[in-house]
Amino acid sequence: MKTKLLQALCAVALSLAACAGPIEPPAGEEARSSLARITSAAPPAHVTDTVRGLNDFTFSLYRRVAKPDSNFASAPVSITMALGMTSGGAVGATLDGFRQALRVQLPAADFHGALNTIDRELAARGQGAQGFNGKPFALKLTNQLFAQRGYPLEQPFLDLLAQQYGAGVKQLDFETRPEDSRKAINGFIDFHTSSLIPELIPADAITSDTRLVLANAVYFNAAWAKKFDTNLTRQAPFTLGTGATVQTTTMSIGELPARTATVGGVEAIELPYEKGEVAMLVLMPPAGQLAAFEQTLTAATLQGFVSALQPESLQLSMPKFDVKTPTNLNDALKAEGLTVAYDAARADFSGMTSRAKDEGLHITDVLHEAVVKVSEGGTEAAGATAVIISRETSAPAERPVAIDRPFVFLLRDRGTGTVLFLGHVVDPR
């Protein structure tokens, strides 16, 4: 009788687990510092300085990797969190490269503290708000270190990950089971991006020489503050950068409270999500000028657009779009100044492990992928970044607005100014 009851209870538990959604796959034994995450906020000036520098890095990197003739999406917040964690174990000229690339002006401890505050503030957004496709609002960043089982890691580095990034260590067997390790990391990313990014790390990127992988995943799901009317969705013209006109699925809405501005001929339209803490900012330059406009984007120009925004009631039409972009960031990051970290003879990650110099630990790949889906109900987006480290060997009257030509889009946290997702649409088909 007891056995049957136990079997019945197990069946119910399994059924409930299945209904609850995907279950995070196992990815090796968990290890972490005994120290709790720091919950006190960094000084506002530290957050402002950090966001300003990171936004400059974001736009500079964007110009290096976004191809002007194809749609593009990225998740800058994921890239900076992964690189921020990695910088915590870098020493000397290797650390200098991270600071140059990320435009860090603060002492290292203050920089990590600012990233911690940004992460925790983002996690607090959208309390009680609705998401997209019947899901609740979500804005969640997950940080994780994957390490070779038994590999010696420096305690201060583990403490930094725990206190400032909420990250532990999952131990894998890269040395004898590299493909299983790759699948485990991809499974972790898949889970934390709600299956939008099932395979961040391609075949052969993880080898028997891999020792550490620092990963970040970000997932965003939000409903518009005022949803588009699905009954008004229809085919409408969109002018490509070449001047040709194509028909694309276009959403429409009337009496939309928004904020708009026109600066230097560029139309800016800010579309809030429910609760108004996060918004999409669309920047639409004159026809044929997208590439030239993107060359001007910096933290300062972004702030100029944001400062110029004024409330306005719109009758808006814009295309639905679904953009997915995998990107290898190696060349772009080297161009940003992160060169020593890739050089087995010069890289110094002794802040992570005492074996760093003896084994020639260096970055072999920084892999990134982002997905942004926009439709009548809202937006679902995800981003993931993996830093692979291996040993040497290998209200007024409504104004009609049509977003009908190539544009830049940013998903931006209003409170901190952090750019969550960034991309452009040149052909919404």
Protein backbone atom coordinates (compact mmCIF):
# COMPACT_ATOMS: atom_id res chain seq x y z
CA MET A 1 0.00 0.00 0.00
CA LYS A 2 2.80 2.39 0.92
CA THR A 3 4.63 1.56 -2.30
CA LYS A 4 1.55 2.33 -4.41
CA LEU A 5 1.02 5.60 -2.54
CA LEU A 6 4.65 6.58 -3.04
CA GLN A 7 4.40 5.76 -6.76
CA ALA A 8 1.26 7.86 -7.06
CA LEU A 9 2.88 10.82 -5.31
CA CYS A 10 5.93 10.56 -7.58
CA ALA A 11 3.68 10.51 -10.65
CA VAL A 12 1.88 13.66 -9.45
CA ALA A 13 5.20 15.39 -8.75
CA LEU A 14 6.51 14.54 -12.20
CA SER A 15 3.29 15.77 -13.78
CA LEU A 16 3.45 19.07 -11.89
CA ALA A 17 7.10 19.52 -12.88
CA ALA A 18 6.22 19.00 -16.51
CA CYS A 19 3.44 21.58 -16.31
CA ALA A 20 5.75 24.09 -14.67
CA GLY A 21 7.93 24.38 -17.76
CA PRO A 22 11.44 23.35 -18.70
CA ILE A 23 13.70 21.97 -16.01
CA GLU A 24 17.30 23.11 -15.90
CA PRO A 25 19.54 20.26 -17.09
CA PRO A 26 22.30 19.01 -14.80
CA ALA A 27 25.67 20.55 -15.61
CA GLY A 28 28.12 19.10 -13.14
CA GLU A 29 28.67 19.54 -9.44
CA GLU A 30 27.99 23.00 -8.07
CA ALA A 31 30.64 24.84 -6.06
CA ARG A 32 30.63 28.40 -4.87
CA SER A 33 32.02 30.77 -2.31
CA SER A 34 30.40 30.69 1.11
CA LEU A 35 29.93 34.47 0.91
CA ALA A 36 26.48 35.88 0.18
CA ARG A 37 25.75 38.28 -2.63
CA ILE A 38 26.18 41.95 -1.75
CA THR A 39 22.78 43.67 -1.70
CA SER A 40 23.78 47.21 -0.79
CA ALA A 41 23.61 49.60 -3.74
CA ALA A 42 26.70 51.11 -5.31
CA PRO A 43 26.89 54.93 -5.25
CA PRO A 44 24.69 56.39 -8.04
CA ALA A 45 27.71 58.18 -9.53
CA HIS A 46 29.50 54.84 -9.92
CA VAL A 47 26.49 53.36 -11.75
CA THR A 48 26.19 56.41 -14.01
CA ASP A 49 29.90 56.38 -14.90
CA THR A 50 29.83 52.64 -15.55
CA VAL A 51 26.73 52.78 -17.77
CA ARG A 52 28.16 55.68 -19.75
CA GLY A 53 31.39 53.79 -20.43
CA LEU A 54 29.63 50.53 -21.22
CA ASN A 55 27.24 52.26 -23.62
CA ASP A 56 30.21 53.73 -25.49
CA PHE A 57 31.71 50.24 -25.67
CA THR A 58 28.33 48.90 -26.80
CA PHE A 59 28.02 51.25 -29.77
CA SER A 60 31.67 50.86 -30.77
CA LEU A 61 31.35 47.06 -30.74
CA TYR A 62 28.05 47.32 -32.63
CA ARG A 63 29.68 49.27 -35.44
CA ARG A 64 32.33 46.54 -35.77
CA VAL A 65 30.00 43.55 -35.92
CA ALA A 66 26.65 44.72 -37.37
CA LYS A 67 26.55 44.18 -41.13
CA PRO A 68 24.80 47.10 -42.88
CA ASP A 69 22.96 44.91 -45.38
CA SER A 70 21.35 42.42 -43.00
CA ASN A 71 19.24 42.47 -39.85
CA PHE A 72 21.19 42.32 -36.62
CA ALA A 73 20.53 41.83 -32.90
CA SER A 74 22.79 41.85 -29.86
CA ALA A 75 22.44 41.87 -26.09
CA PRO A 76 25.07 44.33 -24.82
CA VAL A 77 24.15 43.73 -21.19
CA SER A 78 25.04 40.04 -21.60
CA ILE A 79 28.38 40.80 -23.24
CA THR A 80 29.42 43.26 -20.55
CA MET A 81 28.42 40.97 -17.68
CA ALA A 82 30.41 38.05 -19.13
CA LEU A 83 33.45 40.23 -19.79
CA GLY A 84 33.07 41.89 -16.39
CA MET A 85 33.25 38.51 -14.64
CA THR A 86 36.25 37.49 -16.74
CA SER A 87 38.09 40.72 -15.94
CA GLY A 88 37.82 39.81 -12.25
CA GLY A 89 40.47 37.12 -12.79
CA ALA A 90 42.76 39.14 -15.08
CA VAL A 91 46.03 40.67 -13.91
CA GLY A 92 48.42 43.33 -15.21
CA ALA A 93 48.31 44.12 -18.94
CA THR A 94 45.53 41.57 -19.39
CA LEU A 95 43.33 43.51 -16.97
CA ASP A 96 44.32 46.77 -18.66
CA GLY A 97 42.91 45.39 -21.93
CA PHE A 98 39.55 44.69 -20.31
CA ARG A 99 39.46 48.16 -18.77
CA GLN A 100 40.29 49.76 -22.12
CA ALA A 101 37.63 47.80 -24.01
CA LEU A 102 34.90 48.31 -21.40
CA ARG A 103 35.83 51.98 -20.86
CA VAL A 104 36.32 51.42 -17.13
CA GLN A 105 37.37 54.51 -15.17
CA LEU A 106 36.59 53.30 -11.66
CA PRO A 107 38.80 51.09 -9.48
CA ALA A 108 38.08 47.41 -10.13
CA ALA A 109 36.14 46.87 -6.91
CA ASP A 110 33.86 49.82 -7.63
CA PHE A 111 33.31 48.68 -11.22
CA HIS A 112 32.21 45.19 -10.11
CA GLY A 113 30.01 46.79 -7.46
CA ALA A 114 28.32 48.95 -10.10
CA LEU A 115 27.65 45.91 -12.32
CA ASN A 116 26.16 44.13 -9.32
CA THR A 117 23.81 47.06 -8.67
CA ILE A 118 22.77 47.23 -12.34
CA ASP A 119 22.06 43.48 -12.38
CA ARG A 120 19.95 43.63 -9.22
CA GLU A 121 18.04 46.73 -10.34
CA LEU A 122 17.16 45.05 -13.62
CA ALA A 123 15.93 41.98 -11.75
CA ALA A 124 13.52 44.21 -9.79
CA ARG A 125 11.80 45.59 -12.90
CA GLY A 126 8.21 44.77 -13.88
CA GLN A 127 6.88 43.46 -10.58
CA GLY A 128 3.36 42.21 -11.28
CA ALA A 129 3.48 43.20 -14.96
CA GLN A 130 2.38 41.04 -17.86
CA GLY A 131 4.65 39.50 -20.42
CA PHE A 132 4.26 38.34 -23.98
CA ASN A 133 2.14 35.37 -25.12
CA GLY A 134 0.55 34.84 -21.72
CA LYS A 135 3.84 34.68 -19.82
CA PRO A 136 4.68 36.97 -16.87
CA PHE A 137 7.07 39.89 -17.25
CA ALA A 138 10.68 38.75 -17.13
CA LEU A 139 14.01 40.53 -17.12
CA LYS A 140 16.52 38.12 -15.70
CA LEU A 141 20.29 37.87 -15.98
CA THR A 142 22.09 34.68 -15.01
CA ASN A 143 25.86 34.46 -14.51
CA GLN A 144 27.80 31.21 -14.27
CA LEU A 145 31.34 29.88 -14.33
CA PHE A 146 31.99 26.41 -15.75
CA ALA A 147 35.35 24.89 -14.78
CA GLN A 148 37.33 21.72 -15.34
CA ARG A 149 36.55 19.32 -12.51
CA GLY A 150 39.20 19.55 -9.79
CA TYR A 151 40.83 22.62 -11.32
CA PRO A 152 42.28 24.90 -8.61
CA LEU A 153 40.53 28.29 -8.47
CA GLU A 154 41.62 31.27 -6.42
CA GLN A 155 39.32 31.96 -3.46
CA PRO A 156 39.19 35.76 -4.01
CA PHE A 157 37.95 35.14 -7.56
CA LEU A 158 35.23 32.76 -6.34
CA ASP A 159 34.27 35.32 -3.69
CA LEU A 160 34.01 38.06 -6.33
CA LEU A 161 31.75 35.92 -8.51
CA ALA A 162 29.48 35.11 -5.58
CA GLN A 163 29.31 38.58 -4.05
CA GLN A 164 29.05 40.75 -7.16
CA TYR A 165 27.61 38.44 -9.84
CA GLY A 166 25.63 35.85 -7.88
CA ALA A 167 27.58 33.15 -9.71
CA GLY A 168 28.83 29.78 -8.61
CA VAL A 169 30.92 27.17 -10.41
CA LYS A 170 29.64 24.14 -12.25
CA GLN A 171 32.38 21.55 -12.65
CA LEU A 172 32.58 19.69 -15.95
CA ASP A 173 35.03 17.27 -17.52
CA PHE A 174 36.36 19.26 -20.46
CA GLU A 175 39.51 17.15 -20.58
CA THR A 176 37.98 13.77 -21.37
CA ARG A 177 34.39 14.70 -22.32
CA PRO A 178 34.51 18.00 -24.20
CA GLU A 179 31.40 17.36 -26.29
CA ASP A 180 29.32 16.42 -23.26
CA SER A 181 30.59 19.56 -21.56
CA ARG A 182 29.58 21.68 -24.55
CA LYS A 183 26.10 20.18 -24.49
CA ALA A 184 25.82 20.83 -20.75
CA ILE A 185 26.68 24.52 -21.16
CA ASN A 186 24.32 24.87 -24.11
CA GLY A 187 21.60 23.19 -22.05
CA PHE A 188 22.17 25.71 -19.27
CA ILE A 189 21.91 28.62 -21.75
CA ASP A 190 18.85 27.08 -23.41
CA PHE A 191 17.09 26.87 -20.05
CA HIS A 192 17.93 30.42 -18.98
CA THR A 193 16.86 31.91 -22.33
CA SER A 194 13.54 30.05 -22.41
CA SER A 195 14.83 27.96 -25.33
CA LEU A 196 15.40 30.98 -27.58
CA ILE A 197 19.13 30.16 -27.73
CA PRO A 198 19.48 26.36 -27.76
CA GLU A 199 23.03 26.15 -29.10
CA LEU A 200 25.24 29.12 -28.28
CA ILE A 201 28.49 27.15 -28.46
CA PRO A 202 29.05 25.38 -31.80
CA ALA A 203 30.73 22.03 -32.32
CA ASP A 204 34.50 21.97 -31.67
CA ALA A 205 34.53 25.28 -29.76
CA ILE A 206 35.03 23.29 -26.54
CA THR A 207 38.11 21.05 -26.59
CA SER A 208 40.10 18.93 -24.18
CA ASP A 209 42.25 22.00 -23.54
CA THR A 210 39.32 24.14 -22.35
CA ARG A 211 39.59 24.91 -18.67
CA LEU A 212 37.02 27.66 -17.95
CA VAL A 213 33.89 29.09 -19.56
CA LEU A 214 32.32 32.24 -18.12
CA ALA A 215 28.74 32.61 -19.29
CA ASN A 216 25.87 35.05 -19.06
CA ALA A 217 22.29 34.62 -20.20
CA VAL A 218 19.61 37.32 -20.29
CA TYR A 219 15.91 36.76 -20.91
CA PHE A 220 13.34 39.50 -21.48
CA ASN A 221 9.60 39.17 -21.90
CA ALA A 222 7.23 42.13 -21.68
CA ALA A 223 3.87 43.29 -22.94
CA TRP A 224 3.50 46.73 -24.47
CA ALA A 225 1.94 49.32 -22.18
CA LYS A 226 -0.72 49.52 -24.90
CA LYS A 227 -0.90 46.58 -27.27
CA PHE A 228 -1.23 46.84 -31.03
CA ASP A 229 -4.61 45.80 -32.47
CA THR A 230 -4.19 42.48 -34.29
CA ASN A 231 -7.22 43.32 -36.44
CA LEU A 232 -5.24 46.19 -37.96
CA THR A 233 -2.18 44.12 -38.89
CA ARG A 234 -1.73 43.95 -42.65
CA GLN A 235 0.83 44.09 -45.43
CA ALA A 236 2.28 47.57 -45.89
CA PRO A 237 5.24 49.10 -47.77
CA PHE A 238 8.74 49.28 -46.26
CA THR A 239 11.52 51.09 -48.10
CA LEU A 240 14.85 49.28 -48.09
CA GLY A 241 18.21 51.02 -47.94
CA THR A 242 18.56 50.47 -51.68
CA GLY A 243 15.43 52.52 -52.30
CA ALA A 244 13.37 49.50 -53.33
CA THR A 245 9.96 49.08 -51.68
CA VAL A 246 8.75 45.74 -50.32
CA GLN A 247 5.58 44.61 -48.59
CA THR A 248 5.93 43.47 -44.99
CA THR A 249 3.61 42.47 -42.11
CA THR A 250 2.90 45.72 -40.31
CA MET A 251 1.20 46.38 -36.95
CA SER A 252 -0.90 49.49 -36.27
CA ILE A 253 -2.28 51.29 -33.24
CA GLY A 254 -4.10 54.55 -32.63
CA GLU A 255 -4.17 56.86 -29.60
CA LEU A 256 -0.80 55.59 -28.46
CA PRO A 257 0.78 57.60 -25.63
CA ALA A 258 4.50 57.69 -26.46
CA ARG A 259 7.48 60.00 -26.35
CA THR A 260 9.04 61.29 -29.54
CA ALA A 261 11.73 63.63 -30.80
CA THR A 262 13.43 64.59 -34.03
CA VAL A 263 17.14 65.32 -33.72
CA GLY A 264 19.27 66.07 -36.75
CA GLY A 265 16.64 64.61 -39.05
CA VAL A 266 16.48 61.34 -37.09
CA GLU A 267 13.04 60.42 -35.74
CA ALA A 268 13.07 58.91 -32.24
CA ILE A 269 10.04 57.04 -30.92
CA GLU A 270 10.03 55.53 -27.43
CA LEU A 271 7.49 52.75 -26.89
CA PRO A 272 7.01 51.76 -23.23
CA TYR A 273 6.34 48.29 -21.94
CA GLU A 274 3.87 47.65 -19.12
CA LYS A 275 4.83 49.51 -15.91
CA GLY A 276 6.98 51.89 -18.00
CA GLU A 277 10.31 50.86 -16.47
CA VAL A 278 11.67 49.46 -19.73
CA ALA A 279 11.03 50.82 -23.21
CA MET A 280 11.96 50.26 -26.83
CA LEU A 281 13.61 53.25 -28.48
CA VAL A 282 13.37 53.29 -32.28
CA LEU A 283 15.79 55.60 -34.11
CA MET A 284 14.83 56.09 -37.76
CA PRO A 285 17.24 58.19 -39.85
CA PRO A 286 16.31 59.63 -43.27
CA ALA A 287 16.05 57.11 -46.10
CA GLY A 288 19.40 55.71 -47.19
CA GLN A 289 21.30 57.09 -44.20
CA LEU A 290 21.22 54.20 -41.69
CA ALA A 291 24.90 53.25 -42.03
CA ALA A 292 26.08 56.86 -41.77
CA PHE A 293 23.84 57.48 -38.75
CA GLU A 294 25.12 54.39 -36.92
CA GLN A 295 28.66 55.76 -37.14
CA THR A 296 27.55 58.67 -34.94
CA LEU A 297 26.04 56.58 -32.13
CA THR A 298 27.73 57.02 -28.75
CA ALA A 299 26.57 57.16 -25.15
CA ALA A 300 26.38 60.95 -25.51
CA THR A 301 24.27 60.91 -28.68
CA LEU A 302 21.94 58.33 -27.11
CA GLN A 303 21.50 60.61 -24.11
CA GLY A 304 20.80 63.48 -26.49
CA PHE A 305 17.88 61.57 -28.01
CA VAL A 306 16.56 60.50 -24.60
CA SER A 307 16.73 64.06 -23.24
CA ALA A 308 14.85 65.41 -26.27
CA LEU A 309 11.90 63.02 -25.97
CA GLN A 310 8.52 64.68 -25.34
CA PRO A 311 5.08 63.11 -24.74
CA GLU A 312 2.90 62.79 -27.82
CA SER A 313 -0.14 60.82 -28.92
CA LEU A 314 0.54 58.76 -32.02
CA GLN A 315 -1.21 56.71 -34.64
CA LEU A 316 1.68 54.32 -35.17
CA SER A 317 2.47 51.61 -37.67
CA MET A 318 5.60 49.47 -37.48
CA PRO A 319 6.70 46.10 -38.86
CA LYS A 320 6.65 42.91 -36.87
CA PHE A 321 10.13 41.45 -36.78
CA ASP A 322 12.05 38.47 -35.52
CA VAL A 323 15.83 38.86 -35.57
CA LYS A 324 18.36 36.23 -34.48
CA THR A 325 22.11 36.81 -34.75
CA PRO A 326 24.98 34.54 -33.64
CA THR A 327 28.28 36.43 -33.49
CA ASN A 328 31.89 35.56 -32.80
CA LEU A 329 33.24 38.67 -31.04
CA ASN A 330 36.95 37.82 -31.20
CA ASP A 331 38.08 40.23 -33.91
CA ALA A 332 35.88 43.06 -32.67
CA LEU A 333 37.09 42.73 -29.07
CA LYS A 334 40.72 42.67 -30.18
CA ALA A 335 40.08 45.87 -32.12
CA GLU A 336 38.64 47.37 -28.93
CA GLY A 337 41.91 46.74 -27.10
CA LEU A 338 41.36 43.26 -25.65
CA THR A 339 44.46 41.74 -27.25
CA VAL A 340 46.69 40.44 -24.47
CA ALA A 341 43.89 38.21 -23.12
CA TYR A 342 43.95 36.22 -26.39
CA ASP A 343 47.73 35.73 -26.40
CA ALA A 344 48.79 32.49 -24.71
CA ALA A 345 52.31 33.84 -24.15
CA ARG A 346 51.19 37.09 -22.53
CA ALA A 347 47.74 36.56 -21.00
CA ASP A 348 47.65 36.56 -17.21
CA PHE A 349 44.57 35.08 -15.57
CA SER A 350 46.40 34.23 -12.35
CA GLY A 351 43.59 35.97 -10.46
CA MET A 352 41.49 32.91 -11.40
CA THR A 353 43.99 30.10 -10.86
CA SER A 354 47.62 29.56 -9.89
CA ARG A 355 48.05 27.45 -13.04
CA ALA A 356 47.24 30.32 -15.41
CA LYS A 357 50.81 31.23 -16.40
CA ASP A 358 52.19 27.68 -16.43
CA GLU A 359 49.41 26.48 -18.74
CA GLY A 360 49.24 29.61 -20.86
CA LEU A 361 45.56 30.19 -20.13
CA HIS A 362 44.06 32.59 -22.66
CA ILE A 363 40.75 33.42 -24.29
CA THR A 364 40.08 31.29 -27.35
CA ASP A 365 36.57 32.53 -28.16
CA VAL A 366 33.97 35.02 -27.03
CA LEU A 367 30.68 33.80 -28.49
CA HIS A 368 27.45 35.78 -28.46
CA GLU A 369 23.92 35.31 -29.71
CA ALA A 370 20.79 37.42 -29.42
CA VAL A 371 17.15 36.97 -30.41
CA VAL A 372 14.53 39.75 -30.49
CA LYS A 373 10.90 39.01 -31.39
CA VAL A 374 8.46 41.94 -31.73
CA SER A 375 4.75 41.57 -32.40
CA GLU A 376 1.37 43.06 -31.46
CA GLY A 377 1.41 41.86 -27.86
CA GLY A 378 4.93 42.80 -26.84
CA THR A 379 8.52 41.65 -27.06
CA GLU A 380 10.40 38.48 -26.19
CA ALA A 381 14.18 38.62 -26.34
CA ALA A 382 17.19 36.70 -25.14
CA GLY A 383 20.93 37.00 -25.26
CA ALA A 384 23.84 34.83 -24.21
CA THR A 385 27.60 35.21 -24.07
CA ALA A 386 30.33 32.67 -23.40
CA VAL A 387 33.98 33.51 -22.75
CA ILE A 388 35.99 30.34 -23.41
CA ILE A 389 39.39 30.12 -21.71
CA SER A 390 41.77 27.33 -22.65
CA ARG A 391 45.32 26.29 -21.98
CA GLU A 392 47.97 26.78 -24.66
CA THR A 393 47.83 24.25 -27.59
CA SER A 394 44.68 25.13 -28.85
CA ALA A 395 -2.31 63.71 -25.78
CA PRO A 396 -2.28 66.48 -28.40
CA ALA A 397 -3.79 65.66 -31.77
CA GLU A 398 -2.61 62.33 -33.01
CA ARG A 399 0.23 62.37 -35.51
CA PRO A 400 0.58 59.44 -37.93
CA VAL A 401 4.01 57.82 -37.79
CA ALA A 402 5.11 54.95 -40.01
CA ILE A 403 8.30 53.06 -39.26
CA ASP A 404 8.71 52.15 -42.89
CA ARG A 405 12.42 52.27 -43.59
CA PRO A 406 15.57 50.83 -41.97
CA PHE A 407 15.87 51.65 -38.28
CA VAL A 408 17.93 51.03 -35.16
CA PHE A 409 16.18 49.57 -32.11
CA LEU A 410 17.30 49.61 -28.49
CA LEU A 411 15.65 47.98 -25.50
CA ARG A 412 16.66 50.29 -22.69
CA ASP A 413 16.24 50.26 -18.93
CA ARG A 414 14.98 53.75 -18.10
CA GLY A 415 16.18 53.73 -14.51
CA THR A 416 19.87 53.02 -15.10
CA GLY A 417 20.12 53.86 -18.80
CA THR A 418 21.52 50.38 -19.50
CA VAL A 419 21.14 49.19 -23.09
CA LEU A 420 19.70 45.67 -22.84
CA PHE A 421 19.35 44.82 -26.52
CA LEU A 422 20.56 46.67 -29.63
CA GLY A 423 20.16 46.01 -33.31
CA HIS A 424 18.83 47.25 -36.61
CA VAL A 425 16.20 46.16 -39.09
CA VAL A 426 16.99 46.69 -42.74
CA ASP A 427 14.45 44.22 -44.14
CA PRO A 428 11.69 43.03 -41.78
CA ARG A 429 10.67 40.22 -44.11
